[in-house]
Amino acid sequence: QTIINILILVEMVLVSMMAQSAYRTPIQVQVDEVNKDKEIT
């Protein structure tokens, strides 16, 4: 069980990184555009 759970811990780190990449969209580009509009204003 120790070996299996160590493997799961390594995999969860990789999945967390993948989820971080997946959840970058769709809002960030829209917020950046809003911030640019505010700066121009």
Full PDB file with SEQRES, HELIX, SHEET, SSBOND, CRYST1, ORIGX, SCALE, CONECT and MASTER records, all heavy atoms in Angstrom:
SEQRES   1 A   41  GLN THR ILE ILE ASN ILE LEU ILE LEU VAL GLU MET VAL          
SEQRES   2 A   41  LEU VAL SER MET MET ALA GLN SER ALA TYR ARG THR PRO          
SEQRES   3 A   41  ILE GLN VAL GLN VAL ASP GLU VAL ASN LYS ASP LYS GLU          
SEQRES   4 A   41  ILE THR                                                      
HELIX    1 AA1 THR A    2  ALA A   22  1                                  21    
HELIX    2 AA2 ILE A   27  ILE A   40  1                                  14    
CRYST1    1.000    1.000    1.000  90.00  90.00  90.00 P 1           1          
ORIGX1      1.000000  0.000000  0.000000        0.00000                         
ORIGX2      0.000000  1.000000  0.000000        0.00000                         
ORIGX3      0.000000  0.000000  1.000000        0.00000                         
SCALE1      1.000000  0.000000  0.000000        0.00000                         
SCALE2      0.000000  1.000000  0.000000        0.00000                         
SCALE3      0.000000  0.000000  1.000000        0.00000                         
ATOM      1  N   GLN A   1       0.814  -1.206   0.000  1.00  0.00           N  
ATOM      2  CA  GLN A   1       0.000   0.000   0.000  1.00  0.00           C  
ATOM      3  C   GLN A   1       0.854   1.265   0.000  1.00  0.00           C  
ATOM      4  O   GLN A   1       0.460   2.277  -0.586  1.00  0.00           O  
ATOM      5  CB  GLN A   1      -0.931  -0.008   1.216  1.00  0.00           C  
ATOM      6  CG  GLN A   1      -2.034  -1.030   1.111  1.00  0.00           C  
ATOM      7  CD  GLN A   1      -3.047  -0.912   2.233  1.00  0.00           C  
ATOM      8  OE1 GLN A   1      -2.810  -0.211   3.204  1.00  0.00           O  
ATOM      9  NE2 GLN A   1      -4.156  -1.603   2.095  1.00  0.00           N  
ATOM     10  N   THR A   2       2.004   1.210   0.636  1.00  0.00           N  
ATOM     11  CA  THR A   2       2.901   2.366   0.621  1.00  0.00           C  
ATOM     12  C   THR A   2       3.376   2.670  -0.794  1.00  0.00           C  
ATOM     13  O   THR A   2       3.367   3.830  -1.234  1.00  0.00           O  
ATOM     14  CB  THR A   2       4.109   2.115   1.536  1.00  0.00           C  
ATOM     15  OG1 THR A   2       3.658   1.867   2.875  1.00  0.00           O  
ATOM     16  CG2 THR A   2       5.048   3.308   1.539  1.00  0.00           C  
ATOM     17  N   ILE A   3       3.769   1.650  -1.532  1.00  0.00           N  
ATOM     18  CA  ILE A   3       4.239   1.836  -2.910  1.00  0.00           C  
ATOM     19  C   ILE A   3       3.113   2.388  -3.789  1.00  0.00           C  
ATOM     20  O   ILE A   3       3.319   3.326  -4.575  1.00  0.00           O  
ATOM     21  CB  ILE A   3       4.765   0.496  -3.466  1.00  0.00           C  
ATOM     22  CG1 ILE A   3       6.051   0.085  -2.735  1.00  0.00           C  
ATOM     23  CG2 ILE A   3       5.027   0.593  -4.968  1.00  0.00           C  
ATOM     24  CD1 ILE A   3       6.531  -1.306  -3.078  1.00  0.00           C  
ATOM     25  N   ILE A   4       1.918   1.821  -3.669  1.00  0.00           N  
ATOM     26  CA  ILE A   4       0.789   2.276  -4.493  1.00  0.00           C  
ATOM     27  C   ILE A   4       0.461   3.736  -4.206  1.00  0.00           C  
ATOM     28  O   ILE A   4       0.240   4.536  -5.128  1.00  0.00           O  
ATOM     29  CB  ILE A   4      -0.438   1.381  -4.255  1.00  0.00           C  
ATOM     30  CG1 ILE A   4      -0.177  -0.047  -4.748  1.00  0.00           C  
ATOM     31  CG2 ILE A   4      -1.665   1.945  -4.966  1.00  0.00           C  
ATOM     32  CD1 ILE A   4      -1.275  -1.034  -4.413  1.00  0.00           C  
ATOM     33  N   ASN A   5       0.457   4.115  -2.948  1.00  0.00           N  
ATOM     34  CA  ASN A   5       0.081   5.490  -2.598  1.00  0.00           C  
ATOM     35  C   ASN A   5       1.168   6.492  -2.940  1.00  0.00           C  
ATOM     36  O   ASN A   5       0.857   7.643  -3.273  1.00  0.00           O  
ATOM     37  CB  ASN A   5      -0.271   5.563  -1.111  1.00  0.00           C  
ATOM     38  CG  ASN A   5      -1.627   4.975  -0.803  1.00  0.00           C  
ATOM     39  OD1 ASN A   5      -2.657   5.574  -1.085  1.00  0.00           O  
ATOM     40  ND2 ASN A   5      -1.647   3.777  -0.244  1.00  0.00           N  
ATOM     41  N   ILE A   6       2.425   6.090  -2.895  1.00  0.00           N  
ATOM     42  CA  ILE A   6       3.499   6.972  -3.378  1.00  0.00           C  
ATOM     43  C   ILE A   6       3.319   7.234  -4.871  1.00  0.00           C  
ATOM     44  O   ILE A   6       3.470   8.373  -5.350  1.00  0.00           O  
ATOM     45  CB  ILE A   6       4.885   6.347  -3.111  1.00  0.00           C  
ATOM     46  CG1 ILE A   6       5.218   6.394  -1.615  1.00  0.00           C  
ATOM     47  CG2 ILE A   6       5.964   7.062  -3.906  1.00  0.00           C  
ATOM     48  CD1 ILE A   6       5.501   7.778  -1.092  1.00  0.00           C  
ATOM     49  N   LEU A   7       2.975   6.184  -5.614  1.00  0.00           N  
ATOM     50  CA  LEU A   7       2.725   6.344  -7.041  1.00  0.00           C  
ATOM     51  C   LEU A   7       1.548   7.279  -7.293  1.00  0.00           C  
ATOM     52  O   LEU A   7       1.606   8.154  -8.180  1.00  0.00           O  
ATOM     53  CB  LEU A   7       2.461   4.975  -7.675  1.00  0.00           C  
ATOM     54  CG  LEU A   7       2.162   4.951  -9.178  1.00  0.00           C  
ATOM     55  CD1 LEU A   7       3.337   5.517  -9.962  1.00  0.00           C  
ATOM     56  CD2 LEU A   7       1.861   3.527  -9.639  1.00  0.00           C  
ATOM     57  N   ILE A   8       0.476   7.141  -6.513  1.00  0.00           N  
ATOM     58  CA  ILE A   8      -0.685   8.028  -6.665  1.00  0.00           C  
ATOM     59  C   ILE A   8      -0.308   9.468  -6.356  1.00  0.00           C  
ATOM     60  O   ILE A   8      -0.745  10.408  -7.038  1.00  0.00           O  
ATOM     61  CB  ILE A   8      -1.832   7.546  -5.762  1.00  0.00           C  
ATOM     62  CG1 ILE A   8      -2.424   6.248  -6.309  1.00  0.00           C  
ATOM     63  CG2 ILE A   8      -2.935   8.609  -5.654  1.00  0.00           C  
ATOM     64  CD1 ILE A   8      -3.502   5.647  -5.440  1.00  0.00           C  
ATOM     65  N   LEU A   9       0.529   9.686  -5.362  1.00  0.00           N  
ATOM     66  CA  LEU A   9       0.961  11.043  -5.012  1.00  0.00           C  
ATOM     67  C   LEU A   9       1.740  11.690  -6.155  1.00  0.00           C  
ATOM     68  O   LEU A   9       1.537  12.865  -6.470  1.00  0.00           O  
ATOM     69  CB  LEU A   9       1.816  11.007  -3.745  1.00  0.00           C  
ATOM     70  CG  LEU A   9       1.048  10.831  -2.433  1.00  0.00           C  
ATOM     71  CD1 LEU A   9       1.998  10.476  -1.304  1.00  0.00           C  
ATOM     72  CD2 LEU A   9       0.278  12.092  -2.095  1.00  0.00           C  
ATOM     73  N   VAL A  10       2.631  10.927  -6.782  1.00  0.00           N  
ATOM     74  CA  VAL A  10       3.376  11.456  -7.932  1.00  0.00           C  
ATOM     75  C   VAL A  10       2.425  11.796  -9.061  1.00  0.00           C  
ATOM     76  O   VAL A  10       2.517  12.860  -9.699  1.00  0.00           O  
ATOM     77  CB  VAL A  10       4.435  10.434  -8.397  1.00  0.00           C  
ATOM     78  CG1 VAL A  10       5.111  10.903  -9.683  1.00  0.00           C  
ATOM     79  CG2 VAL A  10       5.482  10.214  -7.317  1.00  0.00           C  
ATOM     80  N   GLU A  11       1.480  10.900  -9.327  1.00  0.00           N  
ATOM     81  CA  GLU A  11       0.528  11.124 -10.416  1.00  0.00           C  
ATOM     82  C   GLU A  11      -0.384  12.314 -10.137  1.00  0.00           C  
ATOM     83  O   GLU A  11      -0.730  13.066 -11.051  1.00  0.00           O  
ATOM     84  CB  GLU A  11      -0.296   9.854 -10.633  1.00  0.00           C  
ATOM     85  CG  GLU A  11       0.511   8.698 -11.187  1.00  0.00           C  
ATOM     86  CD  GLU A  11      -0.198   7.373 -11.084  1.00  0.00           C  
ATOM     87  OE1 GLU A  11      -1.179   7.277 -10.311  1.00  0.00           O  
ATOM     88  OE2 GLU A  11       0.218   6.410 -11.757  1.00  0.00           O  
ATOM     89  N   MET A  12      -0.776  12.510  -8.871  1.00  0.00           N  
ATOM     90  CA  MET A  12      -1.644  13.640  -8.551  1.00  0.00           C  
ATOM     91  C   MET A  12      -0.930  14.977  -8.744  1.00  0.00           C  
ATOM     92  O   MET A  12      -1.561  15.978  -9.085  1.00  0.00           O  
ATOM     93  CB  MET A  12      -2.165  13.523  -7.118  1.00  0.00           C  
ATOM     94  CG  MET A  12      -3.258  12.497  -6.935  1.00  0.00           C  
ATOM     95  SD  MET A  12      -4.706  12.794  -7.981  1.00  0.00           S  
ATOM     96  CE  MET A  12      -4.525  11.466  -9.184  1.00  0.00           C  
ATOM     97  N   VAL A  13       0.382  15.012  -8.530  1.00  0.00           N  
ATOM     98  CA  VAL A  13       1.147  16.234  -8.820  1.00  0.00           C  
ATOM     99  C   VAL A  13       1.081  16.542 -10.317  1.00  0.00           C  
ATOM    100  O   VAL A  13       0.840  17.691 -10.724  1.00  0.00           O  
ATOM    101  CB  VAL A  13       2.608  16.083  -8.357  1.00  0.00           C  
ATOM    102  CG1 VAL A  13       3.463  17.240  -8.876  1.00  0.00           C  
ATOM    103  CG2 VAL A  13       2.693  16.029  -6.843  1.00  0.00           C  
ATOM    104  N   LEU A  14       1.254  15.516 -11.140  1.00  0.00           N  
ATOM    105  CA  LEU A  14       1.203  15.714 -12.591  1.00  0.00           C  
ATOM    106  C   LEU A  14      -0.206  16.098 -13.046  1.00  0.00           C  
ATOM    107  O   LEU A  14      -0.364  16.969 -13.916  1.00  0.00           O  
ATOM    108  CB  LEU A  14       1.659  14.435 -13.299  1.00  0.00           C  
ATOM    109  CG  LEU A  14       3.086  13.971 -12.997  1.00  0.00           C  
ATOM    110  CD1 LEU A  14       3.389  12.650 -13.691  1.00  0.00           C  
ATOM    111  CD2 LEU A  14       4.098  15.027 -13.422  1.00  0.00           C  
ATOM    112  N   VAL A  15      -1.220  15.465 -12.465  1.00  0.00           N  
ATOM    113  CA  VAL A  15      -2.599  15.804 -12.834  1.00  0.00           C  
ATOM    114  C   VAL A  15      -2.937  17.230 -12.400  1.00  0.00           C  
ATOM    115  O   VAL A  15      -3.644  17.959 -13.104  1.00  0.00           O  
ATOM    116  CB  VAL A  15      -3.587  14.790 -12.222  1.00  0.00           C  
ATOM    117  CG1 VAL A  15      -5.028  15.187 -12.521  1.00  0.00           C  
ATOM    118  CG2 VAL A  15      -3.328  13.394 -12.773  1.00  0.00           C  
ATOM    119  N   SER A  16      -2.441  17.644 -11.238  1.00  0.00           N  
ATOM    120  CA  SER A  16      -2.674  19.022 -10.776  1.00  0.00           C  
ATOM    121  C   SER A  16      -2.066  20.030 -11.737  1.00  0.00           C  
ATOM    122  O   SER A  16      -2.668  21.075 -12.024  1.00  0.00           O  
ATOM    123  CB  SER A  16      -2.102  19.209  -9.372  1.00  0.00           C  
ATOM    124  OG  SER A  16      -2.806  18.445  -8.419  1.00  0.00           O  
ATOM    125  N   MET A  17      -0.889  19.717 -12.252  1.00  0.00           N  
ATOM    126  CA  MET A  17      -0.255  20.600 -13.234  1.00  0.00           C  
ATOM    127  C   MET A  17      -1.058  20.627 -14.529  1.00  0.00           C  
ATOM    128  O   MET A  17      -1.214  21.687 -15.150  1.00  0.00           O  
ATOM    129  CB  MET A  17       1.177  20.139 -13.486  1.00  0.00           C  
ATOM    130  CG  MET A  17       2.079  20.245 -12.271  1.00  0.00           C  
ATOM    131  SD  MET A  17       3.714  19.498 -12.514  1.00  0.00           S  
ATOM    132  CE  MET A  17       4.367  20.529 -13.803  1.00  0.00           C  
ATOM    133  N   MET A  18      -1.574  19.482 -14.931  1.00  0.00           N  
ATOM    134  CA  MET A  18      -2.411  19.436 -16.135  1.00  0.00           C  
ATOM    135  C   MET A  18      -3.700  20.219 -15.931  1.00  0.00           C  
ATOM    136  O   MET A  18      -4.144  20.961 -16.826  1.00  0.00           O  
ATOM    137  CB  MET A  18      -2.734  17.980 -16.495  1.00  0.00           C  
ATOM    138  CG  MET A  18      -3.492  17.819 -17.803  1.00  0.00           C  
ATOM    139  SD  MET A  18      -3.951  16.098 -18.123  1.00  0.00           S  
ATOM    140  CE  MET A  18      -2.339  15.329 -18.193  1.00  0.00           C  
ATOM    141  N   ALA A  19      -4.308  20.079 -14.752  1.00  0.00           N  
ATOM    142  CA  ALA A  19      -5.529  20.827 -14.461  1.00  0.00           C  
ATOM    143  C   ALA A  19      -5.250  22.327 -14.413  1.00  0.00           C  
ATOM    144  O   ALA A  19      -6.080  23.130 -14.863  1.00  0.00           O  
ATOM    145  CB  ALA A  19      -6.115  20.358 -13.129  1.00  0.00           C  
ATOM    146  N   GLN A  20      -4.107  22.710 -13.885  1.00  0.00           N  
ATOM    147  CA  GLN A  20      -3.737  24.131 -13.867  1.00  0.00           C  
ATOM    148  C   GLN A  20      -3.664  24.689 -15.276  1.00  0.00           C  
ATOM    149  O   GLN A  20      -4.124  25.804 -15.550  1.00  0.00           O  
ATOM    150  CB  GLN A  20      -2.394  24.301 -13.158  1.00  0.00           C  
ATOM    151  CG  GLN A  20      -1.970  25.741 -12.960  1.00  0.00           C  
ATOM    152  CD  GLN A  20      -0.614  25.840 -12.287  1.00  0.00           C  
ATOM    153  OE1 GLN A  20       0.411  25.472 -12.870  1.00  0.00           O  
ATOM    154  NE2 GLN A  20      -0.591  26.322 -11.049  1.00  0.00           N  
ATOM    155  N   SER A  21      -3.112  23.896 -16.191  1.00  0.00           N  
ATOM    156  CA  SER A  21      -3.048  24.321 -17.588  1.00  0.00           C  
ATOM    157  C   SER A  21      -4.429  24.358 -18.228  1.00  0.00           C  
ATOM    158  O   SER A  21      -4.751  25.281 -18.984  1.00  0.00           O  
ATOM    159  CB  SER A  21      -2.127  23.377 -18.369  1.00  0.00           C  
ATOM    160  OG  SER A  21      -2.154  23.654 -19.743  1.00  0.00           O  
ATOM    161  N   ALA A  22      -5.270  23.369 -17.910  1.00  0.00           N  
ATOM    162  CA  ALA A  22      -6.603  23.293 -18.528  1.00  0.00           C  
ATOM    163  C   ALA A  22      -7.511  24.426 -18.073  1.00  0.00           C  
ATOM    164  O   ALA A  22      -8.305  24.950 -18.860  1.00  0.00           O  
ATOM    165  CB  ALA A  22      -7.242  21.942 -18.214  1.00  0.00           C  
ATOM    166  N   TYR A  23      -7.400  24.824 -16.822  1.00  0.00           N  
ATOM    167  CA  TYR A  23      -8.315  25.839 -16.283  1.00  0.00           C  
ATOM    168  C   TYR A  23      -7.785  27.261 -16.450  1.00  0.00           C  
ATOM    169  O   TYR A  23      -8.329  28.192 -15.853  1.00  0.00           O  
ATOM    170  CB  TYR A  23      -8.602  25.542 -14.812  1.00  0.00           C  
ATOM    171  CG  TYR A  23      -9.581  24.414 -14.636  1.00  0.00           C  
ATOM    172  CD1 TYR A  23      -9.149  23.087 -14.563  1.00  0.00           C  
ATOM    173  CD2 TYR A  23     -10.949  24.643 -14.588  1.00  0.00           C  
ATOM    174  CE1 TYR A  23     -10.037  22.041 -14.423  1.00  0.00           C  
ATOM    175  CE2 TYR A  23     -11.857  23.601 -14.447  1.00  0.00           C  
ATOM    176  CZ  TYR A  23     -11.393  22.312 -14.360  1.00  0.00           C  
ATOM    177  OH  TYR A  23     -12.289  21.263 -14.230  1.00  0.00           O  
ATOM    178  N   ARG A  24      -6.754  27.440 -17.256  1.00  0.00           N  
ATOM    179  CA  ARG A  24      -6.318  28.795 -17.591  1.00  0.00           C  
ATOM    180  C   ARG A  24      -7.295  29.489 -18.534  1.00  0.00           C  
ATOM    181  O   ARG A  24      -7.369  30.715 -18.584  1.00  0.00           O  
ATOM    182  CB  ARG A  24      -4.933  28.760 -18.235  1.00  0.00           C  
ATOM    183  CG  ARG A  24      -3.810  28.511 -17.243  1.00  0.00           C  
ATOM    184  CD  ARG A  24      -2.465  28.498 -17.934  1.00  0.00           C  
ATOM    185  NE  ARG A  24      -1.389  28.293 -16.965  1.00  0.00           N  
ATOM    186  CZ  ARG A  24      -0.109  28.184 -17.289  1.00  0.00           C  
ATOM    187  NH1 ARG A  24       0.249  28.254 -18.563  1.00  0.00           N  
ATOM    188  NH2 ARG A  24       0.800  28.006 -16.356  1.00  0.00           N  
ATOM    189  N   THR A  25      -7.989  28.709 -19.320  1.00  0.00           N  
ATOM    190  CA  THR A  25      -8.979  29.266 -20.244  1.00  0.00           C  
ATOM    191  C   THR A  25     -10.368  28.972 -19.702  1.00  0.00           C  
ATOM    192  O   THR A  25     -10.561  27.994 -18.961  1.00  0.00           O  
ATOM    193  CB  THR A  25      -8.807  28.634 -21.629  1.00  0.00           C  
ATOM    194  OG1 THR A  25      -8.874  27.205 -21.505  1.00  0.00           O  
ATOM    195  CG2 THR A  25      -7.497  29.022 -22.252  1.00  0.00           C  
ATOM    196  N   PRO A  26     -11.362  29.807 -20.044  1.00  0.00           N  
ATOM    197  CA  PRO A  26     -11.357  30.804 -21.106  1.00  0.00           C  
ATOM    198  C   PRO A  26     -11.245  32.246 -20.608  1.00  0.00           C  
ATOM    199  O   PRO A  26     -11.234  33.163 -21.402  1.00  0.00           O  
ATOM    200  CB  PRO A  26     -12.733  30.614 -21.728  1.00  0.00           C  
ATOM    201  CG  PRO A  26     -13.593  30.293 -20.522  1.00  0.00           C  
ATOM    202  CD  PRO A  26     -12.715  29.507 -19.578  1.00  0.00           C  
ATOM    203  N   ILE A  27     -11.198  32.448 -19.300  1.00  0.00           N  
ATOM    204  CA  ILE A  27     -11.471  33.777 -18.769  1.00  0.00           C  
ATOM    205  C   ILE A  27     -10.260  34.705 -18.795  1.00  0.00           C  
ATOM    206  O   ILE A  27     -10.410  35.904 -18.905  1.00  0.00           O  
ATOM    207  CB  ILE A  27     -12.020  33.655 -17.327  1.00  0.00           C  
ATOM    208  CG1 ILE A  27     -13.277  32.782 -17.333  1.00  0.00           C  
ATOM    209  CG2 ILE A  27     -12.347  35.020 -16.740  1.00  0.00           C  
ATOM    210  CD1 ILE A  27     -14.379  33.283 -18.233  1.00  0.00           C  
ATOM    211  N   GLN A  28      -9.053  34.172 -18.704  1.00  0.00           N  
ATOM    212  CA  GLN A  28      -7.891  35.042 -18.518  1.00  0.00           C  
ATOM    213  C   GLN A  28      -7.722  36.056 -19.648  1.00  0.00           C  
ATOM    214  O   GLN A  28      -7.462  37.229 -19.398  1.00  0.00           O  
ATOM    215  CB  GLN A  28      -6.606  34.201 -18.400  1.00  0.00           C  
ATOM    216  CG  GLN A  28      -5.370  35.073 -18.306  1.00  0.00           C  
ATOM    217  CD  GLN A  28      -4.226  34.388 -17.596  1.00  0.00           C  
ATOM    218  OE1 GLN A  28      -4.299  33.217 -17.285  1.00  0.00           O  
ATOM    219  NE2 GLN A  28      -3.185  35.113 -17.337  1.00  0.00           N  
ATOM    220  N   VAL A  29      -7.868  35.610 -20.891  1.00  0.00           N  
ATOM    221  CA  VAL A  29      -7.700  36.527 -22.020  1.00  0.00           C  
ATOM    222  C   VAL A  29      -8.734  37.641 -21.952  1.00  0.00           C  
ATOM    223  O   VAL A  29      -8.427  38.808 -22.181  1.00  0.00           O  
ATOM    224  CB  VAL A  29      -7.829  35.764 -23.358  1.00  0.00           C  
ATOM    225  CG1 VAL A  29      -7.786  36.722 -24.532  1.00  0.00           C  
ATOM    226  CG2 VAL A  29      -6.721  34.730 -23.465  1.00  0.00           C  
ATOM    227  N   GLN A  30      -9.977  37.305 -21.585  1.00  0.00           N  
ATOM    228  CA  GLN A  30     -11.031  38.312 -21.492  1.00  0.00           C  
ATOM    229  C   GLN A  30     -10.717  39.329 -20.400  1.00  0.00           C  
ATOM    230  O   GLN A  30     -10.880  40.521 -20.588  1.00  0.00           O  
ATOM    231  CB  GLN A  30     -12.372  37.640 -21.209  1.00  0.00           C  
ATOM    232  CG  GLN A  30     -12.799  36.683 -22.314  1.00  0.00           C  
ATOM    233  CD  GLN A  30     -14.084  35.966 -21.967  1.00  0.00           C  
ATOM    234  OE1 GLN A  30     -14.731  36.270 -20.980  1.00  0.00           O  
ATOM    235  NE2 GLN A  30     -14.452  34.997 -22.795  1.00  0.00           N  
ATOM    236  N   VAL A  31     -10.201  38.871 -19.250  1.00  0.00           N  
ATOM    237  CA  VAL A  31      -9.879  39.780 -18.162  1.00  0.00           C  
ATOM    238  C   VAL A  31      -8.724  40.689 -18.549  1.00  0.00           C  
ATOM    239  O   VAL A  31      -8.726  41.887 -18.275  1.00  0.00           O  
ATOM    240  CB  VAL A  31      -9.551  38.988 -16.879  1.00  0.00           C  
ATOM    241  CG1 VAL A  31      -9.006  39.910 -15.806  1.00  0.00           C  
ATOM    242  CG2 VAL A  31     -10.799  38.289 -16.375  1.00  0.00           C  
ATOM    243  N   ASP A  32      -7.713  40.124 -19.223  1.00  0.00           N  
ATOM    244  CA  ASP A  32      -6.594  40.943 -19.681  1.00  0.00           C  
ATOM    245  C   ASP A  32      -7.067  42.033 -20.630  1.00  0.00           C  
ATOM    246  O   ASP A  32      -6.599  43.171 -20.592  1.00  0.00           O  
ATOM    247  CB  ASP A  32      -5.539  40.071 -20.365  1.00  0.00           C  
ATOM    248  CG  ASP A  32      -4.805  39.186 -19.356  1.00  0.00           C  
ATOM    249  OD1 ASP A  32      -4.894  39.493 -18.145  1.00  0.00           O  
ATOM    250  OD2 ASP A  32      -4.165  38.207 -19.773  1.00  0.00           O  
ATOM    251  N   GLU A  33      -8.013  41.676 -21.522  1.00  0.00           N  
ATOM    252  CA  GLU A  33      -8.532  42.669 -22.456  1.00  0.00           C  
ATOM    253  C   GLU A  33      -9.291  43.776 -21.714  1.00  0.00           C  
ATOM    254  O   GLU A  33      -9.181  44.955 -22.041  1.00  0.00           O  
ATOM    255  CB  GLU A  33      -9.451  41.985 -23.475  1.00  0.00           C  
ATOM    256  CG  GLU A  33      -8.690  41.088 -24.455  1.00  0.00           C  
ATOM    257  CD  GLU A  33      -9.635  40.348 -25.390  1.00  0.00           C  
ATOM    258  OE1 GLU A  33     -10.861  40.459 -25.164  1.00  0.00           O  
ATOM    259  OE2 GLU A  33      -9.156  39.669 -26.305  1.00  0.00           O  
ATOM    260  N   VAL A  34     -10.037  43.385 -20.664  1.00  0.00           N  
ATOM    261  CA  VAL A  34     -10.757  44.379 -19.874  1.00  0.00           C  
ATOM    262  C   VAL A  34      -9.777  45.314 -19.172  1.00  0.00           C  
ATOM    263  O   VAL A  34      -9.972  46.527 -19.111  1.00  0.00           O  
ATOM    264  CB  VAL A  34     -11.691  43.678 -18.858  1.00  0.00           C  
ATOM    265  CG1 VAL A  34     -12.280  44.700 -17.886  1.00  0.00           C  
ATOM    266  CG2 VAL A  34     -12.795  42.937 -19.580  1.00  0.00           C  
ATOM    267  N   ASN A  35      -8.694  44.731 -18.631  1.00  0.00           N  
ATOM    268  CA  ASN A  35      -7.694  45.558 -17.956  1.00  0.00           C  
ATOM    269  C   ASN A  35      -7.038  46.537 -18.923  1.00  0.00           C  
ATOM    270  O   ASN A  35      -6.762  47.685 -18.585  1.00  0.00           O  
ATOM    271  CB  ASN A  35      -6.630  44.662 -17.309  1.00  0.00           C  
ATOM    272  CG  ASN A  35      -7.173  43.879 -16.120  1.00  0.00           C  
ATOM    273  OD1 ASN A  35      -8.155  44.299 -15.506  1.00  0.00           O  
ATOM    274  ND2 ASN A  35      -6.552  42.765 -15.809  1.00  0.00           N  
ATOM    275  N   LYS A  36      -6.770  46.069 -20.156  1.00  0.00           N  
ATOM    276  CA  LYS A  36      -6.178  46.962 -21.157  1.00  0.00           C  
ATOM    277  C   LYS A  36      -7.130  48.115 -21.480  1.00  0.00           C  
ATOM    278  O   LYS A  36      -6.714  49.262 -21.619  1.00  0.00           O  
ATOM    279  CB  LYS A  36      -5.844  46.166 -22.434  1.00  0.00           C  
ATOM    280  CG  LYS A  36      -4.669  45.229 -22.273  1.00  0.00           C  
ATOM    281  CD  LYS A  36      -4.417  44.473 -23.576  1.00  0.00           C  
ATOM    282  CE  LYS A  36      -3.255  43.481 -23.417  1.00  0.00           C  
ATOM    283  NZ  LYS A  36      -3.004  42.727 -24.675  1.00  0.00           N  
ATOM    284  N   ASP A  37      -8.433  47.791 -21.607  1.00  0.00           N  
ATOM    285  CA  ASP A  37      -9.419  48.833 -21.879  1.00  0.00           C  
ATOM    286  C   ASP A  37      -9.470  49.867 -20.754  1.00  0.00           C  
ATOM    287  O   ASP A  37      -9.581  51.080 -20.983  1.00  0.00           O  
ATOM    288  CB  ASP A  37     -10.805  48.209 -22.094  1.00  0.00           C  
ATOM    289  CG  ASP A  37     -10.859  47.365 -23.357  1.00  0.00           C  
ATOM    290  OD1 ASP A  37      -9.995  47.572 -24.251  1.00  0.00           O  
ATOM    291  OD2 ASP A  37     -11.749  46.476 -23.446  1.00  0.00           O  
ATOM    292  N   LYS A  38      -9.355  49.353 -19.495  1.00  0.00           N  
ATOM    293  CA  LYS A  38      -9.370  50.269 -18.357  1.00  0.00           C  
ATOM    294  C   LYS A  38      -8.143  51.188 -18.363  1.00  0.00           C  
ATOM    295  O   LYS A  38      -8.226  52.370 -18.074  1.00  0.00           O  
ATOM    296  CB  LYS A  38      -9.433  49.473 -17.061  1.00  0.00           C  
ATOM    297  CG  LYS A  38     -10.780  48.813 -16.808  1.00  0.00           C  
ATOM    298  CD  LYS A  38     -10.782  48.069 -15.475  1.00  0.00           C  
ATOM    299  CE  LYS A  38     -12.134  47.443 -15.202  1.00  0.00           C  
ATOM    300  NZ  LYS A  38     -12.157  46.694 -13.906  1.00  0.00           N  
ATOM    301  N   GLU A  39      -6.963  50.587 -18.699  1.00  0.00           N  
ATOM    302  CA  GLU A  39      -5.754  51.394 -18.754  1.00  0.00           C  
ATOM    303  C   GLU A  39      -5.833  52.452 -19.836  1.00  0.00           C  
ATOM    304  O   GLU A  39      -5.423  53.608 -19.654  1.00  0.00           O  
ATOM    305  CB  GLU A  39      -4.537  50.479 -18.982  1.00  0.00           C  
ATOM    306  CG  GLU A  39      -4.213  49.598 -17.793  1.00  0.00           C  
ATOM    307  CD  GLU A  39      -3.050  48.670 -18.089  1.00  0.00           C  
ATOM    308  OE1 GLU A  39      -2.503  48.761 -19.216  1.00  0.00           O  
ATOM    309  OE2 GLU A  39      -2.700  47.872 -17.219  1.00  0.00           O  
ATOM    310  N   ILE A  40      -6.386  52.091 -20.979  1.00  0.00           N  
ATOM    311  CA  ILE A  40      -6.533  53.067 -22.080  1.00  0.00           C  
ATOM    312  C   ILE A  40      -7.493  54.179 -21.653  1.00  0.00           C  
ATOM    313  O   ILE A  40      -7.265  55.361 -21.941  1.00  0.00           O  
ATOM    314  CB  ILE A  40      -7.037  52.356 -23.358  1.00  0.00           C  
ATOM    315  CG1 ILE A  40      -5.939  51.399 -23.875  1.00  0.00           C  
ATOM    316  CG2 ILE A  40      -7.401  53.365 -24.422  1.00  0.00           C  
ATOM    317  CD1 ILE A  40      -6.406  50.526 -25.011  1.00  0.00           C  
ATOM    318  N   THR A  41      -8.575  53.794 -20.963  1.00  0.00           N  
ATOM    319  CA  THR A  41      -9.541  54.794 -20.506  1.00  0.00           C  
ATOM    320  C   THR A  41      -8.908  55.754 -19.515  1.00  0.00           C  
ATOM    321  O   THR A  41      -9.137  56.973 -19.558  1.00  0.00           O  
ATOM    322  CB  THR A  41     -10.749  54.100 -19.859  1.00  0.00           C  
ATOM    323  OG1 THR A  41     -11.311  53.173 -20.776  1.00  0.00           O  
ATOM    324  CG2 THR A  41     -11.800  55.113 -19.451  1.00  0.00           C  
TER     325      THR A  41                                                      
MASTER        0    0    0    2    0    0    0    6  324    1    0    4          
END                                                                             
